[in-house]
Amino acid sequence: MDTTTMVIAVAVTLAAVLLGLAVAVLVRLVRTRRELRRAGLPTGPRWVFWGAVLYLVLPADLVPDPVYLDDIGVLLLALRTLRSPVGERGRPPDRRPGASPPHDYAA
């Protein structure tokens, strides 16, 4: 195998792996939004979710499409935005994750 063929094979393999990672993050984003909506919790601005999905699908990107790093970054940012309202509003304000439940010693 000559050098050009090897470089092309590596580039195609890398693009396929990055596309697979982008699709996996997209599936996680959709599942998270669906679970939050089923639970009645806020999912953040709707435009963030749909904007991230459109950014992955549309051909206009900041970085050309064989490199999906910008798409993955946008999807991860949208996933973080979806989860942030749960952390702020999904728990009582004095409760930290992993903290023991409050006790009522006055009774």
Protein backbone atom coordinates (compact mmCIF):
# COMPACT_ATOMS: atom_id res chain seq x y z
CA MET A 1 0.00 0.00 0.00
CA ASP A 2 1.44 3.37 -0.94
CA THR A 3 1.57 6.41 1.35
CA THR A 4 -1.33 8.26 -0.29
CA THR A 5 -3.67 5.31 0.09
CA MET A 6 -2.65 4.88 3.72
CA VAL A 7 -3.25 8.57 4.51
CA ILE A 8 -6.67 8.41 2.84
CA ALA A 9 -7.56 5.24 4.77
CA VAL A 10 -6.55 6.83 8.08
CA ALA A 11 -8.50 10.02 7.27
CA VAL A 12 -11.63 8.04 6.35
CA THR A 13 -11.34 5.93 9.51
CA LEU A 14 -10.89 9.02 11.68
CA ALA A 15 -13.86 10.75 10.03
CA ALA A 16 -16.01 7.64 10.59
CA VAL A 17 -15.04 7.47 14.27
CA LEU A 18 -15.77 11.17 14.79
CA LEU A 19 -19.11 10.87 12.98
CA GLY A 20 -19.99 7.91 15.21
CA LEU A 21 -19.09 9.95 18.29
CA ALA A 22 -21.21 12.88 17.06
CA VAL A 23 -24.20 10.59 16.48
CA ALA A 24 -23.73 9.02 19.94
CA VAL A 25 -23.75 12.47 21.57
CA LEU A 26 -26.83 13.42 19.51
CA VAL A 27 -28.66 10.30 20.73
CA ARG A 28 -27.70 11.14 24.32
CA LEU A 29 -28.96 14.72 23.85
CA VAL A 30 -32.32 13.52 22.50
CA ARG A 31 -32.72 10.93 25.27
CA THR A 32 -31.85 13.43 27.99
CA ARG A 33 -34.36 15.97 26.66
CA ARG A 34 -37.05 13.28 26.44
CA GLU A 35 -36.39 12.07 30.01
CA LEU A 36 -36.45 15.60 31.40
CA ARG A 37 -39.74 16.37 29.64
CA ARG A 38 -41.30 13.11 30.89
CA ALA A 39 -40.27 13.98 34.44
CA GLY A 40 -41.81 17.43 34.09
CA LEU A 41 -38.47 19.16 34.61
CA PRO A 42 -37.35 22.21 32.63
CA THR A 43 -35.28 21.47 29.55
CA GLY A 44 -33.89 24.93 28.95
CA PRO A 45 -34.46 26.97 25.83
CA ARG A 46 -35.91 24.95 22.97
CA TRP A 47 -33.75 26.81 20.44
CA VAL A 48 -30.56 25.42 22.01
CA PHE A 49 -31.69 21.84 21.42
CA TRP A 50 -32.91 22.40 17.85
CA GLY A 51 -29.96 24.65 17.01
CA ALA A 52 -27.51 21.93 18.03
CA VAL A 53 -29.38 19.30 16.01
CA LEU A 54 -29.49 21.58 12.95
CA TYR A 55 -25.79 22.41 13.30
CA LEU A 56 -24.97 18.70 13.09
CA VAL A 57 -27.23 18.11 10.07
CA LEU A 58 -26.67 21.26 7.99
CA PRO A 59 -23.64 21.35 5.69
CA ALA A 60 -22.51 24.84 6.80
CA ASP A 61 -19.93 24.41 9.59
CA LEU A 62 -17.09 26.34 11.15
CA VAL A 63 -14.82 23.40 10.38
CA PRO A 64 -15.33 21.26 7.23
CA ASP A 65 -17.51 18.19 7.81
CA PRO A 66 -14.93 15.38 7.68
CA VAL A 67 -13.77 16.79 11.04
CA TYR A 68 -16.79 16.62 13.39
CA LEU A 69 -15.09 18.18 16.41
CA ASP A 70 -17.07 21.42 16.15
CA ASP A 71 -20.33 19.47 15.80
CA ILE A 72 -19.48 17.39 18.86
CA GLY A 73 -18.65 20.54 20.81
CA VAL A 74 -22.00 22.16 19.92
CA LEU A 75 -23.89 18.99 20.90
CA LEU A 76 -22.03 18.73 24.22
CA LEU A 77 -22.76 22.38 24.96
CA ALA A 78 -26.46 21.78 24.26
CA LEU A 79 -26.41 18.68 26.50
CA ARG A 80 -24.83 20.70 29.31
CA THR A 81 -27.44 23.43 28.83
CA LEU A 82 -30.24 20.87 29.09
CA ARG A 83 -28.85 19.42 32.29
CA SER A 84 -28.06 22.70 34.04
CA PRO A 85 -31.68 23.59 34.93
CA VAL A 86 -32.02 20.20 36.65
CA GLY A 87 -29.04 20.90 38.88
CA GLU A 88 -30.36 24.33 39.80
CA ARG A 89 -34.10 23.67 40.10
CA GLY A 90 -34.38 19.90 40.43
CA ARG A 91 -33.09 19.76 44.03
CA PRO A 92 -34.06 21.71 47.09
CA PRO A 93 -31.74 24.72 47.51
CA ASP A 94 -29.98 23.52 50.72
CA ARG A 95 -29.37 20.01 49.39
CA ARG A 96 -26.00 19.12 47.88
CA PRO A 97 -25.55 15.94 45.86
CA GLY A 98 -24.64 13.12 48.21
CA ALA A 99 -25.58 15.08 51.37
CA SER A 100 -27.60 13.34 54.03
CA PRO A 101 -31.29 14.27 54.34
CA PRO A 102 -32.10 17.10 56.75
CA HIS A 103 -33.24 16.08 60.24
CA ASP A 104 -35.98 17.76 62.24
CA TYR A 105 -34.67 17.79 65.84
CA ALA A 106 -37.44 20.11 67.07
CA ALA A 107 -40.04 17.33 67.15
